[in-house]
Amino acid sequence: MKKILVGAITIGVILGSGSSFAAADELDSISKNENTIQSISASTTKSITTNQFNKVYAAMKKYEGTPYKYGGNSPKTGFDCSGLIQWGYGTQGIKLPRTAQDQYNKTTRIARSALQPG
């Protein structure tokens, strides 16, 4: 369960950062074989403030240790990874797709050549 929660929170950090940039020295650790980095499309989501992200993180952190529930998306039923992310961001009025695949499908490819520091 801890691995799932850590993974879900990691996805939340990536989604919540509001940035599509990676430091040059991080690129190789992100992907040695890929030519692109995934980023949430600005046309499908708004940026999230640090304050909002801290609230999302705090809301999700309260459920650390909750048993994994396939298809779960609420504190009452339990969570799966994408359900936790959707629910957590929903606490701040940010709507995300329900499934991990749909969350992935809302990303936009950014070419390495278009990346900027920041």
N, C-alpha and C. Protein backbone atom coordinates (compact mmCIF):
# COMPACT_ATOMS: atom_id res chain seq x y z
N MET A 1 0.82 -1.19 0.00
CA MET A 1 0.00 0.00 0.00
C MET A 1 0.86 1.25 0.00
N LYS A 2 1.99 1.23 0.74
CA LYS A 2 2.85 2.40 0.78
C LYS A 2 3.39 2.73 -0.60
N LYS A 3 3.76 1.69 -1.39
CA LYS A 3 4.26 1.93 -2.73
C LYS A 3 3.19 2.58 -3.60
N ILE A 4 1.95 2.13 -3.45
CA ILE A 4 0.86 2.70 -4.23
C ILE A 4 0.65 4.15 -3.83
N LEU A 5 0.64 4.43 -2.53
CA LEU A 5 0.44 5.79 -2.07
C LEU A 5 1.58 6.69 -2.52
N VAL A 6 2.80 6.21 -2.40
CA VAL A 6 3.95 7.00 -2.85
C VAL A 6 3.84 7.27 -4.34
N GLY A 7 3.46 6.26 -5.11
CA GLY A 7 3.28 6.44 -6.54
C GLY A 7 2.18 7.43 -6.86
N ALA A 8 1.07 7.33 -6.14
CA ALA A 8 -0.04 8.25 -6.36
C ALA A 8 0.35 9.68 -6.01
N ILE A 9 1.06 9.85 -4.92
CA ILE A 9 1.50 11.19 -4.52
C ILE A 9 2.52 11.72 -5.52
N THR A 10 3.38 10.86 -6.02
CA THR A 10 4.35 11.28 -7.03
C THR A 10 3.63 11.77 -8.28
N ILE A 11 2.61 11.05 -8.71
CA ILE A 11 1.83 11.50 -9.86
C ILE A 11 1.20 12.84 -9.54
N GLY A 12 0.70 12.98 -8.33
CA GLY A 12 0.11 14.25 -7.92
C GLY A 12 1.09 15.39 -7.98
N VAL A 13 2.31 15.15 -7.56
CA VAL A 13 3.34 16.18 -7.61
C VAL A 13 3.59 16.58 -9.06
N ILE A 14 3.68 15.59 -9.94
CA ILE A 14 3.92 15.88 -11.34
C ILE A 14 2.76 16.66 -11.94
N LEU A 15 1.54 16.20 -11.68
CA LEU A 15 0.37 16.89 -12.21
C LEU A 15 0.20 18.26 -11.59
N GLY A 16 0.54 18.38 -10.32
CA GLY A 16 0.31 19.62 -9.61
C GLY A 16 1.37 20.66 -9.79
N SER A 17 2.46 20.32 -10.36
CA SER A 17 3.55 21.29 -10.47
C SER A 17 3.21 22.42 -11.41
N GLY A 18 2.33 22.19 -12.36
CA GLY A 18 1.95 23.25 -13.29
C GLY A 18 3.06 23.62 -14.25
N SER A 19 4.09 22.84 -14.33
CA SER A 19 5.23 23.16 -15.17
C SER A 19 5.50 22.01 -16.13
N SER A 20 5.90 22.36 -17.34
CA SER A 20 6.23 21.33 -18.31
C SER A 20 7.73 21.30 -18.57
N PHE A 21 8.51 21.86 -17.65
CA PHE A 21 9.94 21.94 -17.84
C PHE A 21 10.68 21.01 -16.91
N ALA A 22 11.85 20.58 -17.33
CA ALA A 22 12.71 19.75 -16.50
C ALA A 22 14.13 20.29 -16.62
N ALA A 23 14.87 20.24 -15.54
CA ALA A 23 16.26 20.67 -15.57
C ALA A 23 17.04 19.76 -16.51
N ALA A 24 18.02 20.33 -17.19
CA ALA A 24 18.78 19.56 -18.18
C ALA A 24 19.40 18.31 -17.58
N ASP A 25 19.93 18.41 -16.37
CA ASP A 25 20.58 17.24 -15.76
C ASP A 25 19.57 16.19 -15.31
N GLU A 26 18.29 16.52 -15.28
CA GLU A 26 17.27 15.55 -14.90
C GLU A 26 16.77 14.74 -16.09
N LEU A 27 17.00 15.23 -17.29
CA LEU A 27 16.43 14.59 -18.46
C LEU A 27 16.85 13.13 -18.61
N ASP A 28 18.13 12.85 -18.42
CA ASP A 28 18.58 11.47 -18.58
C ASP A 28 17.96 10.56 -17.54
N SER A 29 17.76 11.07 -16.32
CA SER A 29 17.14 10.22 -15.31
C SER A 29 15.65 10.04 -15.55
N ILE A 30 15.04 10.98 -16.24
CA ILE A 30 13.62 10.85 -16.56
C ILE A 30 13.44 9.77 -17.63
N SER A 31 14.23 9.85 -18.66
CA SER A 31 14.09 8.86 -19.72
C SER A 31 15.30 8.89 -20.62
N LYS A 32 16.01 7.79 -20.69
CA LYS A 32 17.18 7.73 -21.56
C LYS A 32 16.79 7.38 -22.99
N ASN A 33 15.68 6.70 -23.16
CA ASN A 33 15.32 6.21 -24.48
C ASN A 33 14.18 6.98 -25.13
N GLU A 34 13.57 7.88 -24.39
CA GLU A 34 12.43 8.61 -24.93
C GLU A 34 12.89 9.96 -25.48
N ASN A 35 12.21 10.44 -26.48
CA ASN A 35 12.53 11.74 -27.04
C ASN A 35 11.59 12.81 -26.54
N THR A 36 10.66 12.42 -25.69
CA THR A 36 9.67 13.38 -25.22
C THR A 36 9.46 13.25 -23.73
N ILE A 37 8.93 14.27 -23.15
CA ILE A 37 8.52 14.31 -21.76
C ILE A 37 7.02 14.58 -21.75
N GLN A 38 6.32 13.94 -20.84
CA GLN A 38 4.88 14.15 -20.76
C GLN A 38 4.57 15.37 -19.89
N SER A 39 3.59 16.10 -20.27
CA SER A 39 3.16 17.26 -19.50
C SER A 39 1.65 17.39 -19.64
N ILE A 40 1.02 17.86 -18.61
CA ILE A 40 -0.42 18.12 -18.71
C ILE A 40 -0.63 19.30 -19.64
N SER A 41 -1.54 19.15 -20.55
CA SER A 41 -1.82 20.20 -21.52
C SER A 41 -2.46 21.39 -20.84
N ALA A 42 -1.95 22.56 -21.16
CA ALA A 42 -2.50 23.79 -20.58
C ALA A 42 -3.95 23.98 -21.01
N SER A 43 -4.34 23.40 -22.13
CA SER A 43 -5.71 23.58 -22.61
C SER A 43 -6.71 22.72 -21.84
N THR A 44 -6.24 21.74 -21.07
CA THR A 44 -7.17 20.88 -20.37
C THR A 44 -7.18 21.10 -18.87
N THR A 45 -6.18 21.76 -18.33
CA THR A 45 -6.14 22.01 -16.89
C THR A 45 -5.61 23.39 -16.61
N LYS A 46 -5.85 23.86 -15.42
CA LYS A 46 -5.28 25.11 -14.96
C LYS A 46 -4.04 24.80 -14.15
N SER A 47 -3.19 25.79 -14.01
CA SER A 47 -2.05 25.62 -13.11
C SER A 47 -2.57 25.57 -11.69
N ILE A 48 -1.81 24.94 -10.84
CA ILE A 48 -2.20 24.84 -9.44
C ILE A 48 -1.20 25.63 -8.62
N THR A 49 -1.69 26.35 -7.65
CA THR A 49 -0.80 27.12 -6.79
C THR A 49 -0.13 26.20 -5.77
N THR A 50 0.95 26.69 -5.20
CA THR A 50 1.63 25.92 -4.16
C THR A 50 0.69 25.68 -2.99
N ASN A 51 -0.10 26.67 -2.63
CA ASN A 51 -1.05 26.52 -1.53
C ASN A 51 -2.08 25.44 -1.85
N GLN A 52 -2.61 25.44 -3.07
CA GLN A 52 -3.57 24.40 -3.46
C GLN A 52 -2.92 23.03 -3.40
N PHE A 53 -1.70 22.92 -3.94
CA PHE A 53 -1.03 21.63 -3.93
C PHE A 53 -0.80 21.14 -2.51
N ASN A 54 -0.40 22.04 -1.62
CA ASN A 54 -0.18 21.64 -0.22
C ASN A 54 -1.47 21.09 0.39
N LYS A 55 -2.60 21.69 0.03
CA LYS A 55 -3.89 21.20 0.53
C LYS A 55 -4.25 19.84 -0.08
N VAL A 56 -3.96 19.67 -1.36
CA VAL A 56 -4.19 18.39 -2.03
C VAL A 56 -3.35 17.31 -1.35
N TYR A 57 -2.08 17.62 -1.16
CA TYR A 57 -1.16 16.66 -0.54
C TYR A 57 -1.63 16.30 0.87
N ALA A 58 -2.01 17.30 1.65
CA ALA A 58 -2.47 17.05 3.02
C ALA A 58 -3.72 16.18 3.03
N ALA A 59 -4.64 16.44 2.10
CA ALA A 59 -5.87 15.64 2.02
C ALA A 59 -5.54 14.19 1.69
N MET A 60 -4.64 13.97 0.74
CA MET A 60 -4.29 12.60 0.36
C MET A 60 -3.47 11.91 1.45
N LYS A 61 -2.60 12.65 2.10
CA LYS A 61 -1.72 12.09 3.13
C LYS A 61 -2.53 11.51 4.29
N LYS A 62 -3.70 12.10 4.58
CA LYS A 62 -4.54 11.60 5.67
C LYS A 62 -4.96 10.15 5.46
N TYR A 63 -4.96 9.70 4.21
CA TYR A 63 -5.42 8.36 3.91
C TYR A 63 -4.28 7.38 3.66
N GLU A 64 -3.07 7.77 4.03
CA GLU A 64 -1.94 6.85 3.94
C GLU A 64 -2.24 5.64 4.80
N GLY A 65 -2.03 4.47 4.25
CA GLY A 65 -2.32 3.23 4.98
C GLY A 65 -3.69 2.66 4.69
N THR A 66 -4.54 3.42 3.98
CA THR A 66 -5.86 2.91 3.60
C THR A 66 -5.66 1.76 2.62
N PRO A 67 -6.35 0.65 2.81
CA PRO A 67 -6.18 -0.47 1.89
C PRO A 67 -6.53 -0.10 0.45
N TYR A 68 -5.78 -0.66 -0.48
CA TYR A 68 -6.03 -0.47 -1.91
C TYR A 68 -7.38 -1.08 -2.26
N LYS A 69 -8.15 -0.37 -3.06
CA LYS A 69 -9.45 -0.87 -3.53
C LYS A 69 -9.53 -0.63 -5.03
N TYR A 70 -9.51 -1.71 -5.80
CA TYR A 70 -9.60 -1.58 -7.25
C TYR A 70 -10.86 -0.80 -7.61
N GLY A 71 -10.70 0.26 -8.38
CA GLY A 71 -11.83 1.09 -8.78
C GLY A 71 -12.28 2.06 -7.71
N GLY A 72 -11.60 2.06 -6.56
CA GLY A 72 -12.00 2.93 -5.45
C GLY A 72 -11.64 4.38 -5.70
N ASN A 73 -12.55 5.27 -5.31
CA ASN A 73 -12.29 6.69 -5.54
C ASN A 73 -12.84 7.59 -4.44
N SER A 74 -12.97 7.04 -3.23
CA SER A 74 -13.45 7.87 -2.13
C SER A 74 -12.92 7.32 -0.81
N PRO A 75 -12.90 8.18 0.21
CA PRO A 75 -12.45 7.72 1.53
C PRO A 75 -13.32 6.59 2.07
N LYS A 76 -14.60 6.57 1.72
CA LYS A 76 -15.51 5.54 2.23
C LYS A 76 -15.25 4.18 1.60
N THR A 77 -14.93 4.17 0.31
CA THR A 77 -14.75 2.90 -0.40
C THR A 77 -13.30 2.47 -0.51
N GLY A 78 -12.38 3.38 -0.26
CA GLY A 78 -10.96 3.12 -0.49
C GLY A 78 -10.56 3.67 -1.85
N PHE A 79 -9.27 3.59 -2.15
CA PHE A 79 -8.77 4.20 -3.38
C PHE A 79 -7.93 3.23 -4.18
N ASP A 80 -7.95 3.43 -5.50
CA ASP A 80 -6.87 2.92 -6.33
C ASP A 80 -6.01 4.15 -6.65
N CYS A 81 -4.92 3.97 -7.39
CA CYS A 81 -3.99 5.08 -7.56
C CYS A 81 -4.62 6.29 -8.26
N SER A 82 -5.30 6.08 -9.38
CA SER A 82 -5.88 7.21 -10.09
C SER A 82 -7.08 7.79 -9.35
N GLY A 83 -7.79 6.95 -8.61
CA GLY A 83 -8.91 7.44 -7.81
C GLY A 83 -8.45 8.38 -6.71
N LEU A 84 -7.32 8.05 -6.08
CA LEU A 84 -6.76 8.92 -5.05
C LEU A 84 -6.35 10.26 -5.64
N ILE A 85 -5.71 10.23 -6.79
CA ILE A 85 -5.28 11.47 -7.44
C ILE A 85 -6.49 12.31 -7.82
N GLN A 86 -7.49 11.69 -8.44
CA GLN A 86 -8.69 12.43 -8.84
C GLN A 86 -9.38 13.02 -7.62
N TRP A 87 -9.54 12.23 -6.58
CA TRP A 87 -10.21 12.70 -5.37
C TRP A 87 -9.41 13.83 -4.71
N GLY A 88 -8.09 13.64 -4.58
CA GLY A 88 -7.25 14.64 -3.93
C GLY A 88 -7.33 15.99 -4.62
N TYR A 89 -7.19 16.00 -5.93
CA TYR A 89 -7.27 17.25 -6.66
C TYR A 89 -8.69 17.81 -6.64
N GLY A 90 -9.67 16.93 -6.59
CA GLY A 90 -11.06 17.37 -6.49
C GLY A 90 -11.35 18.15 -5.22
N THR A 91 -10.57 17.90 -4.16
CA THR A 91 -10.78 18.67 -2.92
C THR A 91 -10.49 20.15 -3.13
N GLN A 92 -9.77 20.48 -4.19
CA GLN A 92 -9.47 21.87 -4.51
C GLN A 92 -10.21 22.35 -5.76
N GLY A 93 -11.23 21.58 -6.16
CA GLY A 93 -12.04 21.97 -7.31
C GLY A 93 -11.38 21.73 -8.65
N ILE A 94 -10.32 20.92 -8.66
CA ILE A 94 -9.61 20.62 -9.90
C ILE A 94 -10.10 19.27 -10.40
N LYS A 95 -10.70 19.28 -11.58
CA LYS A 95 -11.28 18.05 -12.13
C LYS A 95 -10.25 17.34 -13.00
N LEU A 96 -10.02 16.07 -12.68
CA LEU A 96 -9.13 15.22 -13.46
C LEU A 96 -9.92 14.01 -13.95
N PRO A 97 -9.50 13.41 -15.05
CA PRO A 97 -10.16 12.18 -15.51
C PRO A 97 -10.07 11.09 -14.45
N ARG A 98 -10.96 10.11 -14.52
CA ARG A 98 -11.05 9.07 -13.50
C ARG A 98 -9.93 8.04 -13.57
N THR A 99 -9.62 7.54 -14.74
CA THR A 99 -8.66 6.43 -14.82
C THR A 99 -7.25 6.93 -15.14
N ALA A 100 -6.26 6.12 -14.79
CA ALA A 100 -4.87 6.46 -15.09
C ALA A 100 -4.69 6.63 -16.60
N GLN A 101 -5.34 5.77 -17.39
CA GLN A 101 -5.22 5.88 -18.85
C GLN A 101 -5.80 7.20 -19.33
N ASP A 102 -6.97 7.58 -18.82
CA ASP A 102 -7.57 8.85 -19.23
C ASP A 102 -6.73 10.04 -18.75
N GLN A 103 -6.13 9.93 -17.57
CA GLN A 103 -5.24 10.98 -17.09
C GLN A 103 -4.04 11.10 -18.03
N TYR A 104 -3.48 9.96 -18.41
CA TYR A 104 -2.36 9.95 -19.36
C TYR A 104 -2.78 10.54 -20.71
N ASN A 105 -3.98 10.19 -21.18
CA ASN A 105 -4.45 10.67 -22.48
C ASN A 105 -4.61 12.19 -22.51
N LYS A 106 -4.71 12.83 -21.37
CA LYS A 106 -4.84 14.28 -21.31
C LYS A 106 -3.49 14.99 -21.31
N THR A 107 -2.41 14.22 -21.44
CA THR A 107 -1.09 14.83 -21.48
C THR A 107 -0.73 15.22 -22.90
N THR A 108 0.25 16.08 -23.02
CA THR A 108 0.74 16.53 -24.32
C THR A 108 2.23 16.25 -24.38
N ARG A 109 2.69 15.73 -25.50
CA ARG A 109 4.12 15.46 -25.66
C ARG A 109 4.86 16.78 -25.88
N ILE A 110 5.99 16.89 -25.20
CA ILE A 110 6.87 18.05 -25.34
C ILE A 110 8.20 17.51 -25.86
N ALA A 111 8.65 18.00 -26.99
CA ALA A 111 9.92 17.55 -27.55
C ALA A 111 11.07 17.99 -26.65
N ARG A 112 12.09 17.15 -26.55
CA ARG A 112 13.27 17.52 -25.75
C ARG A 112 13.81 18.88 -26.18
N SER A 113 13.82 19.13 -27.46
CA SER A 113 14.38 20.39 -27.97
C SER A 113 13.58 21.60 -27.51
N ALA A 114 12.33 21.39 -27.08
CA ALA A 114 11.48 22.49 -26.63
C ALA A 114 11.55 22.71 -25.12
N LEU A 115 12.24 21.83 -24.40
CA LEU A 115 12.32 21.96 -22.94
C LEU A 115 13.16 23.17 -22.56
N GLN A 116 12.79 23.77 -21.44
CA GLN A 116 13.51 24.92 -20.92
C GLN A 116 13.78 24.70 -19.45
N PRO A 117 14.86 25.29 -18.93
CA PRO A 117 15.12 25.17 -17.49
C PRO A 117 14.00 25.85 -16.70
N GLY A 118 13.76 25.34 -15.52
CA GLY A 118 12.76 26.00 -14.67
C GLY A 118 11.91 25.04 -13.93
